[in-house]
Amino acid sequence: MSSLAPADYAVITGFFVVMAAIGIYFRKRMLNVKIFFGGGKEVPWWLAGISFYMCSFSALAFVMYSALA
């Protein structure tokens, strides 16, 4: 079993640093849960519908195809 190279650790650390920086930058815009999940009521209905469909389709596909295999 091989271990991770230093470059792998650098990429993983960099990823988490970038994700934390994005979270810190946008934390002031998220005033409550409705804004977080509802997009501040600025998302068009058709885009929200496509997002919901693709999210449920993806979850269903992972469960169904693994059961079929």
PDB file of N, CA and C in Angstrom:
ATOM      1  N   MET A   1       0.849  -1.175   0.000  1.00  0.00           N
ATOM      2  CA  MET A   1       0.000   0.000   0.000  1.00  0.00           C
ATOM      3  C   MET A   1       0.896   1.240   0.000  1.00  0.00           C
ATOM      4  N   SER A   2       0.750   2.051  -1.014  1.00  0.00           N
ATOM      5  CA  SER A   2       1.584   3.246  -1.121  1.00  0.00           C
ATOM      6  C   SER A   2       0.936   4.417  -0.393  1.00  0.00           C
ATOM      7  N   SER A   3       1.793   5.299   0.087  1.00  0.00           N
ATOM      8  CA  SER A   3       1.277   6.474   0.783  1.00  0.00           C
ATOM      9  C   SER A   3       1.161   7.635  -0.197  1.00  0.00           C
ATOM     10  N   LEU A   4       0.577   8.691   0.253  1.00  0.00           N
ATOM     11  CA  LEU A   4       0.419   9.864  -0.602  1.00  0.00           C
ATOM     12  C   LEU A   4       1.736  10.621  -0.707  1.00  0.00           C
ATOM     13  N   ALA A   5       1.936  11.201  -1.868  1.00  0.00           N
ATOM     14  CA  ALA A   5       3.129  12.016  -2.102  1.00  0.00           C
ATOM     15  C   ALA A   5       2.901  13.415  -1.514  1.00  0.00           C
ATOM     16  N   PRO A   6       3.972  14.160  -1.279  1.00  0.00           N
ATOM     17  CA  PRO A   6       3.800  15.528  -0.763  1.00  0.00           C
ATOM     18  C   PRO A   6       2.924  16.403  -1.659  1.00  0.00           C
ATOM     19  N   ALA A   7       2.981  16.189  -2.959  1.00  0.00           N
ATOM     20  CA  ALA A   7       2.129  16.965  -3.867  1.00  0.00           C
ATOM     21  C   ALA A   7       0.656  16.660  -3.618  1.00  0.00           C
ATOM     22  N   ASP A   8       0.337  15.412  -3.282  1.00  0.00           N
ATOM     23  CA  ASP A   8      -1.050  15.055  -2.974  1.00  0.00           C
ATOM     24  C   ASP A   8      -1.539  15.797  -1.733  1.00  0.00           C
ATOM     25  N   TYR A   9      -0.707  15.828  -0.714  1.00  0.00           N
ATOM     26  CA  TYR A   9      -1.070  16.556   0.500  1.00  0.00           C
ATOM     27  C   TYR A   9      -1.235  18.048   0.213  1.00  0.00           C
ATOM     28  N   ALA A  10      -0.408  18.586  -0.670  1.00  0.00           N
ATOM     29  CA  ALA A  10      -0.510  20.007  -1.018  1.00  0.00           C
ATOM     30  C   ALA A  10      -1.830  20.302  -1.726  1.00  0.00           C
ATOM     31  N   VAL A  11      -2.241  19.419  -2.622  1.00  0.00           N
ATOM     32  CA  VAL A  11      -3.506  19.612  -3.340  1.00  0.00           C
ATOM     33  C   VAL A  11      -4.687  19.510  -2.382  1.00  0.00           C
ATOM     34  N   ILE A  12      -4.668  18.530  -1.496  1.00  0.00           N
ATOM     35  CA  ILE A  12      -5.764  18.358  -0.532  1.00  0.00           C
ATOM     36  C   ILE A  12      -5.838  19.566   0.402  1.00  0.00           C
ATOM     37  N   THR A  13      -4.692  20.005   0.903  1.00  0.00           N
ATOM     38  CA  THR A  13      -4.659  21.165   1.783  1.00  0.00           C
ATOM     39  C   THR A  13      -5.125  22.420   1.053  1.00  0.00           C
ATOM     40  N   GLY A  14      -4.669  22.591  -0.182  1.00  0.00           N
ATOM     41  CA  GLY A  14      -5.092  23.747  -0.974  1.00  0.00           C
ATOM     42  C   GLY A  14      -6.587  23.760  -1.214  1.00  0.00           C
ATOM     43  N   PHE A  15      -7.167  22.585  -1.467  1.00  0.00           N
ATOM     44  CA  PHE A  15      -8.608  22.484  -1.678  1.00  0.00           C
ATOM     45  C   PHE A  15      -9.366  22.956  -0.441  1.00  0.00           C
ATOM     46  N   PHE A  16      -8.960  22.457   0.721  1.00  0.00           N
ATOM     47  CA  PHE A  16      -9.657  22.843   1.942  1.00  0.00           C
ATOM     48  C   PHE A  16      -9.462  24.315   2.270  1.00  0.00           C
ATOM     49  N   VAL A  17      -8.307  24.855   1.977  1.00  0.00           N
ATOM     50  CA  VAL A  17      -8.077  26.284   2.213  1.00  0.00           C
ATOM     51  C   VAL A  17      -8.973  27.124   1.309  1.00  0.00           C
ATOM     52  N   VAL A  18      -9.083  26.747   0.047  1.00  0.00           N
ATOM     53  CA  VAL A  18      -9.942  27.485  -0.889  1.00  0.00           C
ATOM     54  C   VAL A  18     -11.410  27.382  -0.470  1.00  0.00           C
ATOM     55  N   MET A  19     -11.860  26.192  -0.078  1.00  0.00           N
ATOM     56  CA  MET A  19     -13.249  26.025   0.350  1.00  0.00           C
ATOM     57  C   MET A  19     -13.541  26.840   1.609  1.00  0.00           C
ATOM     58  N   ALA A  20     -12.606  26.870   2.552  1.00  0.00           N
ATOM     59  CA  ALA A  20     -12.796  27.670   3.764  1.00  0.00           C
ATOM     60  C   ALA A  20     -12.820  29.161   3.426  1.00  0.00           C
ATOM     61  N   ALA A  21     -11.971  29.601   2.506  1.00  0.00           N
ATOM     62  CA  ALA A  21     -11.946  31.012   2.111  1.00  0.00           C
ATOM     63  C   ALA A  21     -13.257  31.412   1.442  1.00  0.00           C
ATOM     64  N   ILE A  22     -13.802  30.564   0.603  1.00  0.00           N
ATOM     65  CA  ILE A  22     -15.086  30.851  -0.040  1.00  0.00           C
ATOM     66  C   ILE A  22     -16.188  30.943   1.009  1.00  0.00           C
ATOM     67  N   GLY A  23     -16.186  30.025   1.979  1.00  0.00           N
ATOM     68  CA  GLY A  23     -17.181  30.059   3.049  1.00  0.00           C
ATOM     69  C   GLY A  23     -17.089  31.317   3.886  1.00  0.00           C
ATOM     70  N   ILE A  24     -15.878  31.733   4.201  1.00  0.00           N
ATOM     71  CA  ILE A  24     -15.687  32.949   4.999  1.00  0.00           C
ATOM     72  C   ILE A  24     -16.116  34.182   4.214  1.00  0.00           C
ATOM     73  N   TYR A  25     -15.821  34.192   2.918  1.00  0.00           N
ATOM     74  CA  TYR A  25     -16.184  35.340   2.087  1.00  0.00           C
ATOM     75  C   TYR A  25     -17.705  35.508   1.984  1.00  0.00           C
ATOM     76  N   PHE A  26     -18.422  34.406   1.825  1.00  0.00           N
ATOM     77  CA  PHE A  26     -19.867  34.485   1.593  1.00  0.00           C
ATOM     78  C   PHE A  26     -20.709  34.366   2.863  1.00  0.00           C
ATOM     79  N   ARG A  27     -20.107  34.227   4.029  1.00  0.00           N
ATOM     80  CA  ARG A  27     -20.899  34.027   5.244  1.00  0.00           C
ATOM     81  C   ARG A  27     -21.758  35.231   5.595  1.00  0.00           C
ATOM     82  N   LYS A  28     -21.340  36.419   5.213  1.00  0.00           N
ATOM     83  CA  LYS A  28     -22.113  37.617   5.541  1.00  0.00           C
ATOM     84  C   LYS A  28     -23.382  37.731   4.698  1.00  0.00           C
ATOM     85  N   ARG A  29     -23.410  37.059   3.566  1.00  0.00           N
ATOM     86  CA  ARG A  29     -24.588  37.127   2.690  1.00  0.00           C
ATOM     87  C   ARG A  29     -25.682  36.161   3.118  1.00  0.00           C
ATOM     88  N   MET A  30     -25.348  35.128   3.861  1.00  0.00           N
ATOM     89  CA  MET A  30     -26.318  34.129   4.288  1.00  0.00           C
ATOM     90  C   MET A  30     -26.883  34.528   5.645  1.00  0.00           C
ATOM     91  N   LEU A  31     -27.993  35.246   5.618  1.00  0.00           N
ATOM     92  CA  LEU A  31     -28.576  35.753   6.851  1.00  0.00           C
ATOM     93  C   LEU A  31     -29.430  34.710   7.563  1.00  0.00           C
ATOM     94  N   ASN A  32     -30.065  33.818   6.781  1.00  0.00           N
ATOM     95  CA  ASN A  32     -30.869  32.760   7.387  1.00  0.00           C
ATOM     96  C   ASN A  32     -30.946  31.577   6.425  1.00  0.00           C
ATOM     97  N   VAL A  33     -31.634  30.545   6.841  1.00  0.00           N
ATOM     98  CA  VAL A  33     -31.696  29.312   6.056  1.00  0.00           C
ATOM     99  C   VAL A  33     -32.513  29.506   4.775  1.00  0.00           C
ATOM    100  N   LYS A  34     -33.523  30.369   4.798  1.00  0.00           N
ATOM    101  CA  LYS A  34     -34.324  30.601   3.595  1.00  0.00           C
ATOM    102  C   LYS A  34     -33.478  31.175   2.461  1.00  0.00           C
ATOM    103  N   ILE A  35     -32.577  32.054   2.808  1.00  0.00           N
ATOM    104  CA  ILE A  35     -31.700  32.628   1.781  1.00  0.00           C
ATOM    105  C   ILE A  35     -30.751  31.563   1.243  1.00  0.00           C
ATOM    106  N   PHE A  36     -30.247  30.711   2.134  1.00  0.00           N
ATOM    107  CA  PHE A  36     -29.306  29.678   1.708  1.00  0.00           C
ATOM    108  C   PHE A  36     -29.960  28.680   0.759  1.00  0.00           C
ATOM    109  N   PHE A  37     -31.098  28.137   1.148  1.00  0.00           N
ATOM    110  CA  PHE A  37     -31.737  27.103   0.333  1.00  0.00           C
ATOM    111  C   PHE A  37     -32.621  27.673  -0.776  1.00  0.00           C
ATOM    112  N   GLY A  38     -33.130  28.871  -0.618  1.00  0.00           N
ATOM    113  CA  GLY A  38     -34.024  29.448  -1.610  1.00  0.00           C
ATOM    114  C   GLY A  38     -33.357  30.403  -2.572  1.00  0.00           C
ATOM    115  N   GLY A  39     -32.081  30.633  -2.416  1.00  0.00           N
ATOM    116  CA  GLY A  39     -31.375  31.535  -3.314  1.00  0.00           C
ATOM    117  C   GLY A  39     -31.824  32.978  -3.188  1.00  0.00           C
ATOM    118  N   GLY A  40     -32.352  33.346  -2.037  1.00  0.00           N
ATOM    119  CA  GLY A  40     -32.813  34.717  -1.840  1.00  0.00           C
ATOM    120  C   GLY A  40     -33.990  35.084  -2.721  1.00  0.00           C
ATOM    121  N   LYS A  41     -34.730  34.088  -3.178  1.00  0.00           N
ATOM    122  CA  LYS A  41     -35.887  34.268  -4.073  1.00  0.00           C
ATOM    123  C   LYS A  41     -35.490  34.980  -5.366  1.00  0.00           C
ATOM    124  N   GLU A  42     -34.263  34.776  -5.799  1.00  0.00           N
ATOM    125  CA  GLU A  42     -33.798  35.372  -7.048  1.00  0.00           C
ATOM    126  C   GLU A  42     -33.592  34.336  -8.150  1.00  0.00           C
ATOM    127  N   VAL A  43     -33.867  33.069  -7.858  1.00  0.00           N
ATOM    128  CA  VAL A  43     -33.702  32.006  -8.832  1.00  0.00           C
ATOM    129  C   VAL A  43     -35.014  31.839  -9.589  1.00  0.00           C
ATOM    130  N   PRO A  44     -34.986  31.864 -10.916  1.00  0.00           N
ATOM    131  CA  PRO A  44     -36.229  31.679 -11.684  1.00  0.00           C
ATOM    132  C   PRO A  44     -36.837  30.296 -11.426  1.00  0.00           C
ATOM    133  N   TRP A  45     -38.140  30.183 -11.578  1.00  0.00           N
ATOM    134  CA  TRP A  45     -38.826  28.933 -11.281  1.00  0.00           C
ATOM    135  C   TRP A  45     -38.322  27.793 -12.148  1.00  0.00           C
ATOM    136  N   TRP A  46     -38.028  28.072 -13.417  1.00  0.00           N
ATOM    137  CA  TRP A  46     -37.614  27.005 -14.324  1.00  0.00           C
ATOM    138  C   TRP A  46     -36.222  26.490 -13.956  1.00  0.00           C
ATOM    139  N   LEU A  47     -35.343  27.363 -13.489  1.00  0.00           N
ATOM    140  CA  LEU A  47     -34.007  26.931 -13.085  1.00  0.00           C
ATOM    141  C   LEU A  47     -34.071  26.127 -11.791  1.00  0.00           C
ATOM    142  N   ALA A  48     -34.925  26.534 -10.866  1.00  0.00           N
ATOM    143  CA  ALA A  48     -35.111  25.775  -9.630  1.00  0.00           C
ATOM    144  C   ALA A  48     -35.690  24.396  -9.935  1.00  0.00           C
ATOM    145  N   GLY A  49     -36.613  24.328 -10.881  1.00  0.00           N
ATOM    146  CA  GLY A  49     -37.194  23.044 -11.264  1.00  0.00           C
ATOM    147  C   GLY A  49     -36.185  22.111 -11.906  1.00  0.00           C
ATOM    148  N   ILE A  50     -35.354  22.642 -12.784  1.00  0.00           N
ATOM    149  CA  ILE A  50     -34.316  21.825 -13.416  1.00  0.00           C
ATOM    150  C   ILE A  50     -33.316  21.344 -12.364  1.00  0.00           C
ATOM    151  N   SER A  51     -32.958  22.211 -11.451  1.00  0.00           N
ATOM    152  CA  SER A  51     -32.022  21.831 -10.389  1.00  0.00           C
ATOM    153  C   SER A  51     -32.600  20.720  -9.529  1.00  0.00           C
ATOM    154  N   PHE A  52     -33.866  20.840  -9.154  1.00  0.00           N
ATOM    155  CA  PHE A  52     -34.507  19.799  -8.349  1.00  0.00           C
ATOM    156  C   PHE A  52     -34.579  18.483  -9.111  1.00  0.00           C
ATOM    157  N   TYR A  53     -34.949  18.534 -10.376  1.00  0.00           N
ATOM    158  CA  TYR A  53     -35.053  17.321 -11.184  1.00  0.00           C
ATOM    159  C   TYR A  53     -33.706  16.632 -11.319  1.00  0.00           C
ATOM    160  N   MET A  54     -32.676  17.382 -11.630  1.00  0.00           N
ATOM    161  CA  MET A  54     -31.358  16.776 -11.822  1.00  0.00           C
ATOM    162  C   MET A  54     -30.798  16.223 -10.513  1.00  0.00           C
ATOM    163  N   CYS A  55     -31.079  16.889  -9.406  1.00  0.00           N
ATOM    164  CA  CYS A  55     -30.627  16.403  -8.103  1.00  0.00           C
ATOM    165  C   CYS A  55     -31.310  15.082  -7.764  1.00  0.00           C
ATOM    166  N   SER A  56     -32.609  15.016  -7.931  1.00  0.00           N
ATOM    167  CA  SER A  56     -33.323  13.782  -7.614  1.00  0.00           C
ATOM    168  C   SER A  56     -32.995  12.683  -8.617  1.00  0.00           C
ATOM    169  N   PHE A  57     -32.801  13.038  -9.878  1.00  0.00           N
ATOM    170  CA  PHE A  57     -32.438  12.048 -10.888  1.00  0.00           C
ATOM    171  C   PHE A  57     -31.078  11.435 -10.578  1.00  0.00           C
ATOM    172  N   SER A  58     -30.134  12.252 -10.193  1.00  0.00           N
ATOM    173  CA  SER A  58     -28.792  11.779  -9.895  1.00  0.00           C
ATOM    174  C   SER A  58     -28.806  10.853  -8.690  1.00  0.00           C
ATOM    175  N   ALA A  59     -29.508  11.226  -7.634  1.00  0.00           N
ATOM    176  CA  ALA A  59     -29.564  10.386  -6.444  1.00  0.00           C
ATOM    177  C   ALA A  59     -30.241   9.065  -6.756  1.00  0.00           C
ATOM    178  N   LEU A  60     -31.307   9.107  -7.515  1.00  0.00           N
ATOM    179  CA  LEU A  60     -32.024   7.887  -7.878  1.00  0.00           C
ATOM    180  C   LEU A  60     -31.153   6.986  -8.745  1.00  0.00           C
ATOM    181  N   ALA A  61     -30.422   7.566  -9.671  1.00  0.00           N
ATOM    182  CA  ALA A  61     -29.584   6.769 -10.562  1.00  0.00           C
ATOM    183  C   ALA A  61     -28.493   6.045  -9.782  1.00  0.00           C
ATOM    184  N   PHE A  62     -27.871   6.706  -8.814  1.00  0.00           N
ATOM    185  CA  PHE A  62     -26.825   6.056  -8.036  1.00  0.00           C
ATOM    186  C   PHE A  62     -27.375   4.869  -7.248  1.00  0.00           C
ATOM    187  N   VAL A  63     -28.566   5.023  -6.695  1.00  0.00           N
ATOM    188  CA  VAL A  63     -29.151   3.943  -5.904  1.00  0.00           C
ATOM    189  C   VAL A  63     -29.608   2.809  -6.818  1.00  0.00           C
ATOM    190  N   MET A  64     -30.275   3.142  -7.913  1.00  0.00           N
ATOM    191  CA  MET A  64     -30.818   2.112  -8.795  1.00  0.00           C
ATOM    192  C   MET A  64     -29.728   1.333  -9.512  1.00  0.00           C
ATOM    193  N   TYR A  65     -28.750   2.028 -10.064  1.00  0.00           N
ATOM    194  CA  TYR A  65     -27.731   1.337 -10.855  1.00  0.00           C
ATOM    195  C   TYR A  65     -26.827   0.476  -9.990  1.00  0.00           C
ATOM    196  N   SER A  66     -26.598   0.868  -8.751  1.00  0.00           N
ATOM    197  CA  SER A  66     -25.798   0.013  -7.871  1.00  0.00           C
ATOM    198  C   SER A  66     -26.583  -1.228  -7.476  1.00  0.00           C
ATOM    199  N   ALA A  67     -27.909  -1.111  -7.339  1.00  0.00           N
ATOM    200  CA  ALA A  67     -28.722  -2.265  -7.010  1.00  0.00           C
ATOM    201  C   ALA A  67     -28.813  -3.218  -8.215  1.00  0.00           C
ATOM    202  N   LEU A  68     -28.829  -2.674  -9.398  1.00  0.00           N
ATOM    203  CA  LEU A  68     -28.887  -3.525 -10.594  1.00  0.00           C
ATOM    204  C   LEU A  68     -27.578  -4.291 -10.840  1.00  0.00           C
ATOM    205  N   ALA A  69     -26.478  -3.677 -10.453  1.00  0.00           N
ATOM    206  CA  ALA A  69     -25.183  -4.325 -10.669  1.00  0.00           C
ATOM    207  C   ALA A  69     -25.025  -5.476  -9.715  1.00  0.00           C
TER     208      ALA A  69
END
